[in-house]
Amino acid sequence: MNAALPRGIIAPITSAGQPLGCRPEVVFQRKHARILLDQLRSVDKTRLGKKMGRIEGSVWHPVLLEMLA
């Protein structure tokens, strides 16, 4: 879907925030962070800046599937 539409579905990432089961903890750019899967949103791709990196699907995908079950 992200490849075909002018909008992309994103999950914010933060170094703060409350730990929850729906917020997998990762190390991103040498900093401890959480992916806020409970705050998914759709944004116009023109609002996105350059790609900052990649988080492996094995980190966030199982948590997202459990949330949507």
N, C-alpha and C. Protein backbone atom coordinates (compact mmCIF):
# COMPACT_ATOMS: atom_id res chain seq x y z
N MET A 1 0.82 -1.19 0.00
CA MET A 1 0.00 0.00 0.00
C MET A 1 0.87 1.26 0.00
N ASN A 2 1.94 1.27 0.82
CA ASN A 2 2.80 2.45 0.89
C ASN A 2 3.45 2.76 -0.45
N ALA A 3 3.69 1.75 -1.29
CA ALA A 3 4.34 1.98 -2.58
C ALA A 3 3.36 2.57 -3.60
N ALA A 4 2.07 2.26 -3.49
CA ALA A 4 1.10 2.65 -4.51
C ALA A 4 0.39 3.98 -4.23
N LEU A 5 0.25 4.36 -2.99
CA LEU A 5 -0.52 5.55 -2.64
C LEU A 5 0.38 6.74 -2.35
N PRO A 6 -0.13 7.97 -2.45
CA PRO A 6 0.67 9.15 -2.12
C PRO A 6 0.82 9.35 -0.61
N ARG A 7 0.20 8.49 0.17
CA ARG A 7 0.31 8.55 1.63
C ARG A 7 1.04 7.31 2.13
N GLY A 8 1.67 7.44 3.26
CA GLY A 8 2.35 6.31 3.86
C GLY A 8 1.84 6.09 5.28
N ILE A 9 1.82 4.85 5.71
CA ILE A 9 1.42 4.52 7.08
C ILE A 9 2.70 4.45 7.91
N ILE A 10 2.73 5.23 8.98
CA ILE A 10 3.94 5.31 9.79
C ILE A 10 3.62 5.03 11.27
N ALA A 11 4.64 4.67 11.99
CA ALA A 11 4.58 4.55 13.45
C ALA A 11 5.67 5.45 14.00
N PRO A 12 5.32 6.40 14.87
CA PRO A 12 6.33 7.27 15.45
C PRO A 12 7.31 6.47 16.31
N ILE A 13 8.49 7.02 16.49
CA ILE A 13 9.49 6.42 17.36
C ILE A 13 9.95 7.50 18.33
N THR A 14 10.18 7.15 19.59
CA THR A 14 10.57 8.12 20.59
C THR A 14 11.58 7.53 21.56
N SER A 15 12.39 8.39 22.13
CA SER A 15 13.32 7.94 23.17
C SER A 15 12.70 8.12 24.55
N ALA A 16 11.53 8.72 24.61
CA ALA A 16 10.80 8.89 25.87
C ALA A 16 9.56 8.01 25.82
N GLY A 17 8.54 8.36 26.54
CA GLY A 17 7.29 7.63 26.49
C GLY A 17 7.25 6.48 27.46
N GLN A 18 6.06 6.11 27.78
CA GLN A 18 5.81 5.05 28.76
C GLN A 18 5.98 3.68 28.12
N PRO A 19 6.69 2.76 28.80
CA PRO A 19 6.80 1.40 28.25
C PRO A 19 5.46 0.67 28.32
N LEU A 20 5.05 0.09 27.21
CA LEU A 20 3.83 -0.70 27.12
C LEU A 20 4.11 -1.91 26.24
N GLY A 21 3.28 -2.92 26.33
CA GLY A 21 3.45 -4.11 25.51
C GLY A 21 3.35 -3.85 24.03
N CYS A 22 2.64 -2.77 23.66
CA CYS A 22 2.46 -2.43 22.25
C CYS A 22 3.54 -1.47 21.74
N ARG A 23 4.59 -1.28 22.55
CA ARG A 23 5.68 -0.37 22.17
C ARG A 23 7.02 -1.09 22.25
N PRO A 24 7.37 -1.83 21.20
CA PRO A 24 8.62 -2.58 21.24
C PRO A 24 9.82 -1.64 21.42
N GLU A 25 10.75 -2.08 22.27
CA GLU A 25 11.96 -1.30 22.52
C GLU A 25 13.04 -1.70 21.53
N VAL A 26 13.72 -0.71 20.98
CA VAL A 26 14.76 -0.92 19.97
C VAL A 26 15.94 -0.01 20.27
N VAL A 27 17.05 -0.28 19.61
CA VAL A 27 18.16 0.66 19.59
C VAL A 27 18.21 1.21 18.17
N PHE A 28 18.02 2.51 18.05
CA PHE A 28 17.99 3.17 16.75
C PHE A 28 18.97 4.33 16.77
N GLN A 29 19.90 4.32 15.85
CA GLN A 29 20.97 5.33 15.79
C GLN A 29 21.69 5.43 17.13
N ARG A 30 22.00 4.28 17.70
CA ARG A 30 22.73 4.13 18.96
C ARG A 30 22.01 4.71 20.17
N LYS A 31 20.68 4.87 20.08
CA LYS A 31 19.87 5.36 21.20
C LYS A 31 18.77 4.37 21.48
N HIS A 32 18.44 4.20 22.77
CA HIS A 32 17.30 3.37 23.16
C HIS A 32 16.02 4.12 22.80
N ALA A 33 15.08 3.42 22.17
CA ALA A 33 13.85 4.05 21.71
C ALA A 33 12.70 3.06 21.77
N ARG A 34 11.50 3.58 21.58
CA ARG A 34 10.29 2.76 21.52
C ARG A 34 9.53 3.11 20.24
N ILE A 35 8.99 2.06 19.58
CA ILE A 35 8.13 2.27 18.42
C ILE A 35 6.71 2.37 18.95
N LEU A 36 6.03 3.46 18.68
CA LEU A 36 4.69 3.69 19.22
C LEU A 36 3.63 3.09 18.29
N LEU A 37 3.50 1.77 18.33
CA LEU A 37 2.55 1.09 17.45
C LEU A 37 1.10 1.42 17.79
N ASP A 38 0.87 1.96 18.98
CA ASP A 38 -0.48 2.38 19.35
C ASP A 38 -0.82 3.75 18.77
N GLN A 39 0.11 4.37 18.03
CA GLN A 39 -0.12 5.68 17.44
C GLN A 39 0.13 5.69 15.93
N LEU A 40 -0.25 4.60 15.26
CA LEU A 40 -0.11 4.54 13.80
C LEU A 40 -0.87 5.69 13.16
N ARG A 41 -0.34 6.20 12.06
CA ARG A 41 -1.03 7.27 11.35
C ARG A 41 -0.67 7.23 9.87
N SER A 42 -1.48 7.90 9.10
CA SER A 42 -1.26 8.01 7.67
C SER A 42 -0.85 9.45 7.38
N VAL A 43 0.26 9.63 6.65
CA VAL A 43 0.74 10.97 6.33
C VAL A 43 1.05 11.07 4.84
N ASP A 44 0.94 12.28 4.31
CA ASP A 44 1.31 12.52 2.93
C ASP A 44 2.82 12.37 2.80
N LYS A 45 3.26 11.67 1.77
CA LYS A 45 4.69 11.41 1.61
C LYS A 45 5.51 12.68 1.42
N THR A 46 4.89 13.76 0.96
CA THR A 46 5.63 15.01 0.79
C THR A 46 6.04 15.60 2.14
N ARG A 47 5.41 15.17 3.23
CA ARG A 47 5.75 15.66 4.57
C ARG A 47 6.92 14.90 5.18
N LEU A 48 7.30 13.79 4.56
CA LEU A 48 8.38 12.98 5.11
C LEU A 48 9.72 13.48 4.61
N GLY A 49 10.70 13.46 5.49
CA GLY A 49 12.06 13.86 5.11
C GLY A 49 12.82 12.66 4.57
N LYS A 50 14.13 12.73 4.65
CA LYS A 50 14.95 11.63 4.14
C LYS A 50 14.85 10.42 5.07
N LYS A 51 15.11 9.26 4.52
CA LYS A 51 15.07 8.02 5.28
C LYS A 51 16.20 8.01 6.30
N MET A 52 15.86 7.75 7.55
CA MET A 52 16.84 7.80 8.63
C MET A 52 17.44 6.44 8.95
N GLY A 53 16.80 5.38 8.51
CA GLY A 53 17.29 4.05 8.80
C GLY A 53 16.18 3.03 8.62
N ARG A 54 16.42 1.84 9.13
CA ARG A 54 15.46 0.75 8.97
C ARG A 54 15.42 -0.06 10.25
N ILE A 55 14.23 -0.45 10.65
CA ILE A 55 14.04 -1.34 11.79
C ILE A 55 13.49 -2.65 11.24
N GLU A 56 14.14 -3.74 11.56
CA GLU A 56 13.75 -5.04 11.03
C GLU A 56 12.31 -5.39 11.41
N GLY A 57 11.60 -5.97 10.48
CA GLY A 57 10.22 -6.38 10.71
C GLY A 57 10.08 -7.39 11.83
N SER A 58 11.10 -8.18 12.08
CA SER A 58 11.04 -9.18 13.15
C SER A 58 10.90 -8.53 14.52
N VAL A 59 11.24 -7.24 14.63
CA VAL A 59 11.14 -6.51 15.90
C VAL A 59 9.70 -6.06 16.15
N TRP A 60 9.06 -5.48 15.14
CA TRP A 60 7.75 -4.87 15.35
C TRP A 60 6.58 -5.67 14.81
N HIS A 61 6.79 -6.51 13.82
CA HIS A 61 5.68 -7.21 13.16
C HIS A 61 4.89 -8.12 14.11
N PRO A 62 5.52 -8.97 14.94
CA PRO A 62 4.75 -9.83 15.84
C PRO A 62 3.89 -9.03 16.83
N VAL A 63 4.40 -7.91 17.31
CA VAL A 63 3.64 -7.08 18.24
C VAL A 63 2.43 -6.48 17.55
N LEU A 64 2.62 -6.00 16.33
CA LEU A 64 1.51 -5.42 15.58
C LEU A 64 0.43 -6.46 15.28
N LEU A 65 0.83 -7.66 14.89
CA LEU A 65 -0.15 -8.72 14.64
C LEU A 65 -0.94 -9.07 15.90
N GLU A 66 -0.26 -9.10 17.03
CA GLU A 66 -0.95 -9.40 18.29
C GLU A 66 -1.95 -8.28 18.63
N MET A 67 -1.58 -7.03 18.36
CA MET A 67 -2.49 -5.91 18.63
C MET A 67 -3.74 -5.98 17.75
N LEU A 68 -3.59 -6.42 16.50
CA LEU A 68 -4.70 -6.44 15.56
C LEU A 68 -5.55 -7.72 15.64
N ALA A 69 -5.12 -8.69 16.42
CA ALA A 69 -5.84 -9.96 16.52
C ALA A 69 -7.15 -9.82 17.27
